Amino acid sequence: MREFETGTDVMLARREGQVAVLTFNRPDARNALHPETYVAFEKLLPQLAEDPQVGALMLTGAGGAFCAGGDVKGMNARNSGTAPTAASFESNVDDLRQRQRTVSAALQNFPKVTVAAIDGAAAGAGLSIALACDLRVASPRAIFTTAFAKVGFSGDFGGSWFLTQLVGAAKARELYLTADRFDALEALSLNVVNKVLEDEDFEAAAVAYVARFAEGPLVAQRYMKENLNRALTSDLLTCLDAEAMAMSRCRSTEDHKEAVAAFVEKRAPDFTGR
């Protein structure tokens, strides 16, 4: 195991095998977001994207929660005048735009597979960030809620967009407008999570799940992500042309040649990410 310097105690990072594990680390606040959280994302994601020893990324939380979203106690202190406020409406908008790009957009566009491993609460922006990952696994203890309506907010970090893609417009509207909680099994039935891991050691099971992608054909996976992201916003011909380009590039990779040989020889492929 190798640890990465995050520049803050509110986010931990390590590598297990080829899996980079980022951990929200404010368990006393159910891992609510903190200004230093965004600094850590901005520092780590570009570094891990370029690290040849990292094949996939897992995002999780410490102390039995994933991420409770915004720090409601901090909001109350700000609103009551006991904490500093932003200088202007414009600076608030600019700051949030940058944070959303640093986290949600960066996770969606990360060139390797990203998986949110959810043990406990994923609420508000915490849920939005989980939805920005490619895949999500949950423990039976996981609880989900959009939460924003409960604190008079409209929502951020792309949750309304990601959730609509996953569950459809009508269900996404219901989940946002009611802010009702739902458990891991309902999240599975809604396609909010891809798998519920029943293992006693949830984090170890989640790392093992992510290792499948970390040890896979990394070049092909990167192009798959690009294709799937493009499919959300582009027309068919644009997608077909991009698929042709990506397939031609994959054809020249060592991983493609190894996978074809392994298929013919009836053995498991040994991918190198090249």
Protein backbone atom coordinates (compact mmCIF):
# COMPACT_ATOMS: atom_id res chain seq x y z
CA MET A 1 0.00 0.00 0.00
CA ARG A 2 1.22 3.50 -0.84
CA GLU A 3 -0.16 6.70 0.67
CA PHE A 4 -0.49 9.94 -1.32
CA GLU A 5 -0.02 13.43 0.11
CA THR A 6 -3.35 15.23 -0.08
CA GLY A 7 -2.37 18.50 1.58
CA THR A 8 -5.17 18.15 4.14
CA ASP A 9 -6.56 15.84 6.82
CA VAL A 10 -10.11 16.03 5.43
CA MET A 11 -9.19 13.80 2.47
CA LEU A 12 -7.00 10.70 2.63
CA ALA A 13 -5.52 8.91 -0.37
CA ARG A 14 -3.74 5.62 -0.82
CA ARG A 15 -3.06 3.03 -3.49
CA GLU A 16 -3.87 -0.65 -2.98
CA GLY A 17 -2.48 -2.61 -5.90
CA GLN A 18 -3.61 -0.60 -8.91
CA VAL A 19 -6.61 0.96 -7.14
CA ALA A 20 -6.34 4.54 -5.87
CA VAL A 21 -8.63 5.00 -2.85
CA LEU A 22 -9.74 8.53 -1.94
CA THR A 23 -11.48 8.81 1.44
CA PHE A 24 -13.60 11.67 2.73
CA ASN A 25 -12.25 12.06 6.26
CA ARG A 26 -14.48 14.14 8.50
CA PRO A 27 -16.27 11.29 10.33
CA ASP A 28 -17.37 13.58 13.17
CA ALA A 29 -19.39 15.55 10.57
CA ARG A 30 -20.46 12.52 8.49
CA ASN A 31 -17.76 13.56 6.01
CA ALA A 32 -19.50 16.83 5.13
CA LEU A 33 -17.66 18.82 2.49
CA HIS A 34 -15.01 21.33 3.53
CA PRO A 35 -13.12 23.96 1.49
CA GLU A 36 -10.00 21.81 1.74
CA THR A 37 -11.91 18.88 0.20
CA TYR A 38 -11.98 20.70 -3.13
CA VAL A 39 -8.30 21.56 -2.89
CA ALA A 40 -7.54 17.87 -2.43
CA PHE A 41 -9.61 16.88 -5.48
CA GLU A 42 -7.88 19.55 -7.56
CA LYS A 43 -4.48 18.25 -6.45
CA LEU A 44 -5.12 14.52 -6.64
CA LEU A 45 -7.22 13.86 -9.73
CA PRO A 46 -4.71 15.16 -12.31
CA GLN A 47 -1.90 13.36 -10.46
CA LEU A 48 -3.73 10.04 -10.39
CA ALA A 49 -4.84 10.37 -14.00
CA GLU A 50 -1.18 10.43 -15.05
CA ASP A 51 0.09 7.80 -12.58
CA PRO A 52 0.90 4.61 -14.56
CA GLN A 53 0.52 2.53 -11.39
CA VAL A 54 -3.10 3.61 -10.93
CA GLY A 55 -5.64 1.76 -13.07
CA ALA A 56 -8.90 2.87 -11.42
CA LEU A 57 -10.14 5.16 -8.68
CA MET A 58 -12.41 4.44 -5.71
CA LEU A 59 -14.06 7.19 -3.68
CA THR A 60 -15.34 6.35 -0.20
CA GLY A 61 -15.85 7.82 3.26
CA ALA A 62 -14.48 7.20 6.75
CA GLY A 63 -16.39 6.29 9.89
CA GLY A 64 -19.54 4.71 8.49
CA ALA A 65 -20.67 7.49 6.14
CA PHE A 66 -19.92 8.36 2.53
CA CYS A 67 -20.53 12.12 2.45
CA ALA A 68 -23.36 14.16 3.98
CA GLY A 69 -22.91 16.95 1.44
CA GLY A 70 -22.70 20.55 2.60
CA ASP A 71 -21.80 21.37 6.20
CA VAL A 72 -25.21 22.45 7.56
CA LYS A 73 -23.76 23.60 10.89
CA GLY A 74 -21.35 25.81 8.97
CA MET A 75 -24.25 27.18 6.91
CA ASN A 76 -26.12 28.06 10.10
CA ALA A 77 -23.07 29.82 11.54
CA ARG A 78 -22.70 31.82 8.32
CA ASN A 79 -26.39 32.74 8.24
CA SER A 80 -26.36 33.83 11.89
CA GLY A 81 -23.39 36.09 11.30
CA THR A 82 -20.89 34.10 13.35
CA ALA A 83 -18.88 33.00 10.30
CA PRO A 84 -17.52 34.98 7.34
CA THR A 85 -19.63 35.16 4.18
CA ALA A 86 -18.63 35.47 0.55
CA ALA A 87 -18.01 39.00 -0.70
CA SER A 88 -20.77 39.00 -3.30
CA PHE A 89 -23.34 36.98 -5.21
CA GLU A 90 -20.99 36.90 -8.21
CA SER A 91 -18.12 35.49 -6.18
CA ASN A 92 -20.41 32.79 -4.76
CA VAL A 93 -21.41 31.77 -8.29
CA ASP A 94 -17.83 31.76 -9.58
CA ASP A 95 -16.60 29.78 -6.58
CA LEU A 96 -19.28 27.09 -6.92
CA ARG A 97 -18.78 26.82 -10.67
CA GLN A 98 -15.10 26.17 -10.12
CA ARG A 99 -15.72 23.62 -7.36
CA GLN A 100 -18.23 21.73 -9.50
CA ARG A 101 -15.72 21.52 -12.35
CA THR A 102 -12.95 20.48 -9.97
CA VAL A 103 -15.04 17.60 -8.59
CA SER A 104 -18.06 16.42 -10.62
CA ALA A 105 -16.84 17.30 -14.11
CA ALA A 106 -13.35 16.04 -13.30
CA LEU A 107 -14.70 12.70 -12.06
CA GLN A 108 -16.90 12.21 -15.13
CA ASN A 109 -14.00 13.03 -17.45
CA PHE A 110 -11.36 11.13 -15.45
CA PRO A 111 -9.59 8.85 -17.97
CA LYS A 112 -9.87 5.76 -15.75
CA VAL A 113 -12.86 4.00 -14.22
CA THR A 114 -14.19 5.70 -11.08
CA VAL A 115 -16.32 3.92 -8.47
CA ALA A 116 -18.09 5.41 -5.44
CA ALA A 117 -18.13 2.93 -2.54
CA ILE A 118 -21.01 4.03 -0.31
CA ASP A 119 -21.20 2.86 3.29
CA GLY A 120 -23.69 4.94 5.27
CA ALA A 121 -25.13 8.28 4.20
CA ALA A 122 -24.74 9.80 0.74
CA ALA A 123 -26.74 13.03 0.92
CA GLY A 124 -27.04 16.27 -1.00
CA ALA A 125 -23.81 17.14 -2.77
CA GLY A 126 -22.36 13.90 -1.41
CA LEU A 127 -24.90 11.97 -3.46
CA SER A 128 -24.23 14.22 -6.46
CA ILE A 129 -20.50 13.45 -6.28
CA ALA A 130 -21.21 9.72 -6.03
CA LEU A 131 -23.42 10.00 -9.12
CA ALA A 132 -20.55 11.68 -11.01
CA CYS A 133 -18.56 8.45 -10.74
CA ASP A 134 -18.88 5.77 -13.43
CA LEU A 135 -20.22 3.13 -11.06
CA ARG A 136 -21.48 2.89 -7.50
CA VAL A 137 -21.42 0.04 -4.98
CA ALA A 138 -23.15 0.18 -1.61
CA SER A 139 -23.20 -1.63 1.68
CA PRO A 140 -26.58 -2.72 3.09
CA ARG A 141 -26.20 0.18 5.57
CA ALA A 142 -26.14 2.84 2.84
CA ILE A 143 -28.78 5.57 2.90
CA PHE A 144 -29.43 8.01 0.07
CA THR A 145 -31.22 11.35 -0.18
CA THR A 146 -31.01 14.40 -2.40
CA ALA A 147 -31.57 16.38 0.85
CA PHE A 148 -31.51 19.83 -0.77
CA ALA A 149 -35.22 20.57 -0.24
CA LYS A 150 -34.77 19.98 3.49
CA VAL A 151 -32.35 22.93 3.73
CA GLY A 152 -33.97 25.22 1.17
CA PHE A 153 -31.46 24.60 -1.60
CA SER A 154 -32.01 23.72 -5.26
CA GLY A 155 -29.04 21.35 -5.67
CA ASP A 156 -25.49 21.40 -7.00
CA PHE A 157 -22.55 19.28 -8.19
CA GLY A 158 -24.59 17.95 -11.11
CA GLY A 159 -26.92 15.73 -9.13
CA SER A 160 -30.03 16.78 -11.04
CA TRP A 161 -28.32 15.94 -14.35
CA PHE A 162 -26.75 12.65 -13.27
CA LEU A 163 -29.87 11.43 -11.46
CA THR A 164 -32.10 12.19 -14.44
CA GLN A 165 -29.81 10.11 -16.66
CA LEU A 166 -29.96 7.18 -14.23
CA VAL A 167 -33.59 7.05 -13.07
CA GLY A 168 -35.51 9.12 -15.63
CA ALA A 169 -37.08 12.55 -15.39
CA ALA A 170 -40.18 11.68 -13.36
CA LYS A 171 -38.34 9.76 -10.62
CA ALA A 172 -35.55 12.32 -10.45
CA ARG A 173 -38.13 15.08 -9.92
CA GLU A 174 -39.76 13.07 -7.14
CA LEU A 175 -36.45 12.41 -5.38
CA TYR A 176 -35.44 16.07 -5.58
CA LEU A 177 -38.78 17.61 -4.62
CA THR A 178 -39.50 15.25 -1.70
CA ALA A 179 -35.91 14.67 -0.52
CA ASP A 180 -37.14 11.30 0.75
CA ARG A 181 -34.55 8.83 1.97
CA PHE A 182 -34.07 5.48 0.28
CA ASP A 183 -31.96 2.47 1.19
CA ALA A 184 -29.42 0.36 -0.68
CA LEU A 185 -31.95 -2.11 -2.10
CA GLU A 186 -34.15 0.66 -3.48
CA ALA A 187 -31.05 2.37 -4.86
CA LEU A 188 -30.21 -0.89 -6.63
CA SER A 189 -33.72 -1.19 -8.07
CA LEU A 190 -33.52 2.42 -9.31
CA ASN A 191 -30.08 1.87 -10.91
CA VAL A 192 -28.58 4.46 -8.58
CA VAL A 193 -26.11 1.79 -7.47
CA ASN A 194 -24.77 -1.05 -9.58
CA LYS A 195 -24.23 -3.57 -6.80
CA VAL A 196 -24.85 -4.07 -3.09
CA LEU A 197 -21.88 -5.74 -1.38
CA GLU A 198 -22.98 -7.87 1.57
CA ASP A 199 -19.43 -8.57 2.79
CA GLU A 200 -18.60 -7.86 6.42
CA ASP A 201 -15.51 -5.89 5.36
CA PHE A 202 -17.22 -3.56 2.91
CA GLU A 203 -14.19 -1.47 2.00
CA ALA A 204 -12.03 -4.51 1.20
CA ALA A 205 -14.84 -5.94 -0.93
CA ALA A 206 -15.20 -2.62 -2.72
CA VAL A 207 -11.46 -2.44 -3.47
CA ALA A 208 -11.64 -5.97 -4.88
CA TYR A 209 -14.58 -4.90 -7.07
CA VAL A 210 -12.66 -1.89 -8.40
CA ALA A 211 -9.52 -3.97 -8.98
CA ARG A 212 -11.33 -5.70 -11.85
CA PHE A 213 -11.28 -2.42 -13.76
CA ALA A 214 -7.84 -1.35 -12.56
CA GLU A 215 -6.41 -4.56 -14.03
CA GLY A 216 -8.39 -4.29 -17.28
CA PRO A 217 -7.60 -2.87 -20.73
CA LEU A 218 -7.06 0.75 -19.65
CA VAL A 219 -6.83 2.31 -23.12
CA ALA A 220 -10.07 0.66 -24.23
CA GLN A 221 -11.79 1.65 -20.97
CA ARG A 222 -10.75 5.27 -21.46
CA TYR A 223 -12.32 5.32 -24.92
CA MET A 224 -15.42 3.54 -23.63
CA LYS A 225 -15.87 6.33 -21.08
CA GLU A 226 -15.47 8.96 -23.77
CA ASN A 227 -17.99 7.17 -26.01
CA LEU A 228 -20.55 6.80 -23.23
CA ASN A 229 -20.18 10.42 -22.09
CA ARG A 230 -20.54 11.63 -25.67
CA ALA A 231 -23.69 9.54 -26.13
CA LEU A 232 -25.47 11.72 -23.56
CA THR A 233 -25.21 14.87 -25.65
CA SER A 234 -24.34 14.01 -29.29
CA ASP A 235 -26.18 12.70 -32.35
CA LEU A 236 -25.72 9.21 -33.78
CA LEU A 237 -23.39 10.10 -36.65
CA THR A 238 -21.07 12.03 -34.34
CA CYS A 239 -20.94 9.03 -32.01
CA LEU A 240 -20.35 6.58 -34.88
CA ASP A 241 -17.43 8.63 -36.20
CA ALA A 242 -15.88 8.86 -32.74
CA GLU A 243 -16.31 5.11 -32.21
CA ALA A 244 -14.49 4.44 -35.48
CA MET A 245 -11.58 6.59 -34.35
CA ALA A 246 -11.38 4.95 -30.94
CA MET A 247 -11.62 1.40 -32.32
CA SER A 248 -8.79 2.09 -34.74
CA ARG A 249 -6.63 3.39 -31.91
CA CYS A 250 -7.43 0.38 -29.70
CA ARG A 251 -6.49 -1.99 -32.54
CA SER A 252 -2.85 -0.93 -32.23
CA THR A 253 -2.60 -1.47 -28.44
CA GLU A 254 -0.69 -4.27 -26.76
CA ASP A 255 -3.77 -4.99 -24.63
CA HIS A 256 -5.91 -5.68 -27.72
CA LYS A 257 -3.30 -8.08 -29.13
CA GLU A 258 -2.93 -9.80 -25.76
CA ALA A 259 -6.71 -10.12 -25.31
CA VAL A 260 -7.17 -11.67 -28.75
CA ALA A 261 -4.32 -14.14 -28.15
CA ALA A 262 -5.72 -15.04 -24.73
CA PHE A 263 -9.18 -15.62 -26.22
CA VAL A 264 -7.78 -18.01 -28.85
CA GLU A 265 -5.60 -19.78 -26.29
CA LYS A 266 -8.50 -20.03 -23.80
CA ARG A 267 -6.68 -18.27 -20.95
CA ALA A 268 -7.11 -15.08 -18.95
CA PRO A 269 -5.45 -12.02 -20.53
CA ASP A 270 -2.59 -10.23 -18.82
CA PHE A 271 -3.24 -6.55 -19.49
CA THR A 272 -0.48 -3.94 -19.16
CA GLY A 273 -2.48 -0.78 -19.88
CA ARG A 274 -0.63 -0.15 -23.15
